C-alpha cells in the first residue's frame, strides 16, 4: 500500500461523520449481543439480514472473561468498520483499544476508548514508529490482548505473529481469527510457506519450520514464551479461531 493511498484514506476517515458510542448503555448485554448490535460477524448472527456469523463470541468469553473488569490495552489488527472494537469497549469497560487497518476510511464508530491508525502490516518501520508513539503517549509498554483479524492472507498472518507477539504482556493472549483461510482459499495463500495451523503445531511441538518469514531465532522465542495454543471451530466451514497464551516470563 503506497503512501498516497494511505493518506487519502486517512483524510476520508478524519472527515467522515462517525457514530459516537460512549453513551450507549449496553454494559449488561452479552458479548454475542454486543457483536450483533454493532454488526460484527464474530456474532452467531450479525446485523446484515441476520446472517449466520462465525460464532466466536463464546470462545472469546471462555478465554477472556478473567480480563473483563481489568484495566487492559487491546490491539486489534484489521478493524474494518470498527464493529468488534465498539463491542469490546462495552464488554471490557476499562479497556483502551488500538485499531490498525490498511483502510480506515471504512471506520464508522467513535469512542474515547478507541484509537485508530491507518497502516499496512508490511510496513514494519511505520508500525514500530506507531507502537513507540502509543507506548509513550499512553504510558504502557505491551498489550494484554492482541487480535489479528486482518487480511487472512498467509503472509500477513505470519508477519503479524512474528512482529506483534513480542509486544504482548506476560500472561497475555494473541488471537488469530480465520487462521485457516489459506487452507481453504487459494487467494489467501499468497506466499510459498507452511500453512498457519501446521506452523503453530510445530511451535507447540518444539519443531522448527522452514520459513522465509519467521527465522529460527524468532521461532525459538515463540517456543520458549508460548504457554498454550488452543484451536476452536465456529459456526461456518471457515470459522477457525486460535488463542495463543503467553507464559509469565521470569
Protein backbone atom coordinates (compact mmCIF):
# COMPACT_ATOMS: atom_id res chain seq x y z
CA UNK A 1 0.00 0.00 0.00
CA UNK A 2 1.59 3.28 -1.09
CA UNK A 3 1.78 6.48 0.95
CA UNK A 4 -0.76 8.43 -1.14
CA UNK A 5 -3.43 5.73 -0.80
CA UNK A 6 -2.98 5.61 2.98
CA UNK A 7 -3.06 9.41 3.15
CA UNK A 8 -6.28 9.57 1.10
CA UNK A 9 -7.95 7.02 3.37
CA UNK A 10 -6.75 8.87 6.45
CA UNK A 11 -8.27 12.13 5.19
CA UNK A 12 -11.59 10.39 4.44
CA UNK A 13 -11.55 8.90 7.96
CA UNK A 14 -10.96 12.31 9.57
CA UNK A 15 -13.73 14.00 7.54
CA UNK A 16 -16.25 11.17 7.81
CA UNK A 17 -19.12 11.55 10.26
CA UNK A 18 -18.98 8.75 12.80
CA UNK A 19 -21.35 7.16 15.29
CA UNK A 20 -20.47 8.03 18.88
CA UNK A 21 -20.94 5.01 21.16
CA UNK A 22 -19.79 6.30 24.54
CA UNK A 23 -23.34 6.97 25.70
CA UNK A 24 -24.66 3.55 24.60
CA UNK A 25 -25.88 1.84 27.76
CA UNK A 26 -25.19 -1.76 26.79
CA UNK A 27 -22.99 -2.99 29.64
CA UNK A 28 -25.50 -5.70 30.67
CA UNK A 29 -25.63 -7.27 27.21
CA UNK A 30 -23.71 -10.45 26.42
CA UNK A 31 -20.69 -10.25 24.15
CA UNK A 32 -22.65 -12.01 21.41
CA UNK A 33 -25.43 -9.41 21.72
CA UNK A 34 -22.83 -6.65 21.50
CA UNK A 35 -21.25 -8.15 18.39
CA UNK A 36 -24.73 -8.43 16.86
CA UNK A 37 -25.71 -4.89 17.88
CA UNK A 38 -22.70 -3.26 16.25
CA UNK A 39 -22.69 -5.54 13.20
CA UNK A 40 -19.68 -7.80 13.75
CA UNK A 41 -19.56 -11.18 12.01
CA UNK A 42 -17.99 -12.56 15.20
CA UNK A 43 -21.58 -12.94 16.46
CA UNK A 44 -23.67 -16.06 15.96
CA UNK A 45 -25.92 -13.91 13.79
CA UNK A 46 -24.95 -10.44 12.65
CA UNK A 47 -26.75 -7.31 11.63
CA UNK A 48 -26.98 -7.57 7.86
CA UNK A 49 -30.07 -9.67 7.30
CA UNK A 50 -29.45 -11.70 10.45
CA UNK A 51 -26.98 -13.82 8.52
CA UNK A 52 -25.14 -16.51 10.40
CA UNK A 53 -21.80 -15.29 11.65
CA UNK A 54 -18.65 -17.07 12.76
CA UNK A 55 -19.91 -17.57 16.30
CA UNK A 56 -16.69 -16.60 18.05
CA UNK A 57 -18.49 -14.97 20.99
CA UNK A 58 -18.44 -17.96 23.35
CA UNK A 59 -14.76 -18.63 22.67
CA UNK A 60 -13.88 -15.02 23.50
CA UNK A 61 -15.90 -15.22 26.71
CA UNK A 62 -14.33 -18.55 27.72
CA UNK A 63 -10.77 -17.36 27.18
CA UNK A 64 -11.05 -13.68 28.14
CA UNK A 65 -13.61 -13.49 30.94
CA UNK A 66 -10.80 -13.09 33.51
CA UNK A 67 -9.84 -9.80 31.84
CA UNK A 68 -13.33 -8.36 31.76
CA UNK A 69 -13.10 -5.77 34.54
CA UNK A 70 -9.35 -5.22 34.46
CA UNK A 71 -7.62 -2.18 33.07
CA UNK A 72 -6.25 -3.56 29.81
CA UNK A 73 -4.86 -2.47 26.46
CA UNK A 74 -6.06 -4.23 23.32
CA UNK A 75 -4.53 -4.15 19.86
CA UNK A 76 -6.83 -5.13 17.00
CA UNK A 77 -5.24 -5.72 13.61
CA UNK A 78 -7.84 -5.42 10.86
CA UNK A 79 -10.72 -3.44 12.36
CA UNK A 80 -12.66 -2.66 9.17
CA UNK A 81 -15.71 -0.56 10.24
CA UNK A 82 -14.93 -0.88 13.96
CA UNK A 83 -17.85 -3.15 14.90
CA UNK A 84 -15.86 -5.52 17.09
CA UNK A 85 -13.85 -2.67 18.61
CA UNK A 86 -17.15 -0.99 19.57
CA UNK A 87 -18.41 -4.23 21.12
CA UNK A 88 -15.19 -4.70 23.09
CA UNK A 89 -15.46 -1.21 24.59
CA UNK A 90 -18.72 -2.30 26.24
CA UNK A 91 -17.59 -5.81 27.20
CA UNK A 92 -14.28 -4.56 28.63
CA UNK A 93 -15.31 -1.33 30.40
CA UNK A 94 -11.76 -0.50 31.48
CA UNK A 95 -10.03 -1.21 28.18
CA UNK A 96 -8.27 1.04 25.71
CA UNK A 97 -8.45 -0.30 22.16
CA UNK A 98 -5.93 0.45 19.42
CA UNK A 99 -7.05 -0.38 15.89
CA UNK A 100 -4.68 -0.93 12.96
CA UNK A 101 -6.15 -1.18 9.47
CA UNK A 102 -4.94 -0.54 5.94
CA UNK A 103 -8.22 1.22 5.08
CA UNK A 104 -9.53 3.29 7.98
CA UNK A 105 -11.95 5.10 5.67
CA UNK A 106 -14.38 2.24 6.45
CA UNK A 107 -14.37 3.01 10.19
CA UNK A 108 -17.77 4.31 11.36
CA UNK A 109 -17.63 4.25 15.19
CA UNK A 110 -16.14 6.77 17.59
CA UNK A 111 -15.22 6.43 21.27
CA UNK A 112 -12.74 7.98 23.67
CA UNK A 113 -11.54 4.41 24.26
CA UNK A 114 -10.83 3.67 20.57
CA UNK A 115 -7.67 4.86 18.81
CA UNK A 116 -7.44 4.27 15.06
CA UNK A 117 -4.29 4.06 12.92
CA UNK A 118 -4.02 3.56 9.17
CA UNK A 119 -1.06 1.30 8.44
CA UNK A 120 -0.01 -1.54 6.16
CA UNK A 121 1.09 -4.66 8.06
CA UNK A 122 4.03 -4.98 5.65
CA UNK A 123 5.46 -1.60 6.67
CA UNK A 124 7.49 -2.65 9.71
CA UNK A 125 9.18 0.72 10.05
CA UNK A 126 5.86 2.58 10.24
CA UNK A 127 4.39 0.02 12.66
CA UNK A 128 7.34 0.30 15.04
CA UNK A 129 7.03 4.09 14.94
CA UNK A 130 3.30 3.95 15.75
CA UNK A 131 3.85 1.44 18.56
CA UNK A 132 6.52 3.63 20.08
CA UNK A 133 4.17 6.62 19.95
CA UNK A 134 1.34 4.61 21.57
CA UNK A 135 3.55 3.34 24.39
CA UNK A 136 4.94 6.80 25.16
CA UNK A 137 1.62 8.65 24.88
CA UNK A 138 -0.50 6.14 26.80
CA UNK A 139 2.23 5.13 29.28
CA UNK A 140 2.36 1.37 28.89
CA UNK A 141 4.79 -0.90 27.06
CA UNK A 142 2.91 -4.00 25.92
CA UNK A 143 -0.62 -5.20 25.17
CA UNK A 144 -2.76 -7.54 27.25
CA UNK A 145 -4.67 -8.79 24.22
CA UNK A 146 -3.79 -8.75 20.52
CA UNK A 147 -6.37 -9.80 17.92
CA UNK A 148 -5.40 -10.44 14.31
CA UNK A 149 -8.49 -10.15 12.13
CA UNK A 150 -6.68 -8.67 9.16
CA UNK A 151 -6.40 -9.80 5.56
CA UNK A 152 -6.26 -13.55 6.46
CA UNK A 153 -3.51 -13.85 3.87
CA UNK A 154 -0.87 -16.39 4.83
CA UNK A 155 1.98 -13.91 4.66
CA UNK A 156 0.18 -11.27 6.75
CA UNK A 157 -0.86 -13.71 9.48
CA UNK A 158 2.72 -14.90 9.93
CA UNK A 159 4.13 -11.36 9.76
CA UNK A 160 1.67 -10.24 12.44
CA UNK A 161 2.59 -13.08 14.78
CA UNK A 162 6.29 -12.51 14.17
CA UNK A 163 6.07 -8.76 14.70
CA UNK A 164 3.48 -8.30 17.43
CA UNK A 165 3.84 -11.30 19.76
CA UNK A 166 6.87 -9.64 21.34
CA UNK A 167 4.61 -6.70 22.22
CA UNK A 168 2.32 -8.94 24.28
CA UNK A 169 2.34 -8.86 28.10
CA UNK A 170 3.30 -11.85 30.20
CA UNK A 171 0.15 -13.97 30.51
CA UNK A 172 -1.29 -12.05 27.55
CA UNK A 173 -3.32 -13.62 24.76
CA UNK A 174 -2.77 -13.43 20.99
CA UNK A 175 -5.85 -14.29 18.92
CA UNK A 176 -5.82 -15.18 15.22
CA UNK A 177 -9.24 -15.21 13.59
CA UNK A 178 -9.94 -17.17 10.41
CA UNK A 179 -6.38 -18.54 10.51
CA UNK A 180 -7.23 -21.42 8.17
CA UNK A 181 -8.43 -19.26 5.29
CA UNK A 182 -5.17 -20.03 3.44
CA UNK A 183 -6.09 -23.74 3.74
CA UNK A 184 -9.47 -23.13 2.09
CA UNK A 185 -8.87 -20.27 -0.35
CA UNK A 186 -6.05 -20.06 -2.85
CA UNK A 187 -6.17 -16.24 -2.93
CA UNK A 188 -5.23 -16.17 0.78
CA UNK A 189 -2.27 -18.48 0.11
CA UNK A 190 -0.19 -15.57 -1.18
CA UNK A 191 3.27 -16.95 -0.36
CA UNK A 192 5.02 -20.31 -0.63
CA UNK A 193 5.09 -21.30 3.02
CA UNK A 194 3.91 -23.89 5.50
CA UNK A 195 0.30 -23.15 6.49
CA UNK A 196 -0.55 -21.42 9.78
CA UNK A 197 -2.07 -24.42 11.55
CA UNK A 198 0.95 -26.60 10.76
CA UNK A 199 3.36 -23.82 11.70
CA UNK A 200 1.67 -23.41 15.09
CA UNK A 201 1.59 -27.17 15.67
CA UNK A 202 5.33 -27.23 15.03
CA UNK A 203 5.85 -24.40 17.52
CA UNK A 204 3.77 -26.31 20.05
CA UNK A 205 5.87 -29.45 19.46
CA UNK A 206 9.18 -27.51 19.58
CA UNK A 207 9.86 -28.30 15.94
CA UNK A 208 11.35 -25.72 13.59
CA UNK A 209 9.60 -24.92 10.33
CA UNK A 210 11.32 -23.90 7.11
CA UNK A 211 10.26 -20.27 6.85
CA UNK A 212 11.23 -17.18 4.88
CA UNK A 213 9.08 -15.03 7.21
CA UNK A 214 9.88 -16.22 10.74
CA UNK A 215 13.54 -17.04 11.28
CA UNK A 216 14.72 -19.75 13.67
CA UNK A 217 15.60 -17.23 16.36
CA UNK A 218 12.04 -15.90 16.39
CA UNK A 219 10.58 -19.41 16.20
CA UNK A 220 12.69 -20.28 19.25
CA UNK A 221 11.31 -17.21 21.02
CA UNK A 222 7.76 -18.40 20.30
CA UNK A 223 8.58 -21.90 21.52
CA UNK A 224 10.06 -20.52 24.75
CA UNK A 225 7.33 -18.00 25.52
CA UNK A 226 4.08 -19.65 24.41
CA UNK A 227 2.24 -21.37 27.22
CA UNK A 228 -0.69 -22.81 25.29
CA UNK A 229 -2.16 -22.89 21.78
CA UNK A 230 -5.88 -23.59 21.50
CA UNK A 231 -7.75 -24.12 18.21
CA UNK A 232 -11.52 -23.56 18.14
CA UNK A 233 -14.10 -24.11 15.37
CA UNK A 234 -17.06 -21.76 14.98
CA UNK A 235 -20.32 -21.94 13.03
CA UNK A 236 -19.13 -21.96 9.44
CA UNK A 237 -16.79 -24.17 7.47
CA UNK A 238 -14.10 -21.47 7.56
CA UNK A 239 -14.78 -20.28 11.12
CA UNK A 240 -11.48 -21.16 12.78
CA UNK A 241 -10.02 -19.13 15.65
CA UNK A 242 -6.83 -19.65 17.61
CA UNK A 243 -5.94 -18.45 21.13
CA UNK A 244 -2.22 -18.32 21.88
CA UNK A 245 -1.46 -17.76 25.57
CA UNK A 246 1.88 -16.34 26.60
CA UNK A 247 3.83 -17.55 29.61
CA UNK A 248 4.80 -15.43 32.56
CA UNK A 249 8.44 -14.77 31.73
CA UNK A 250 10.83 -14.73 34.69
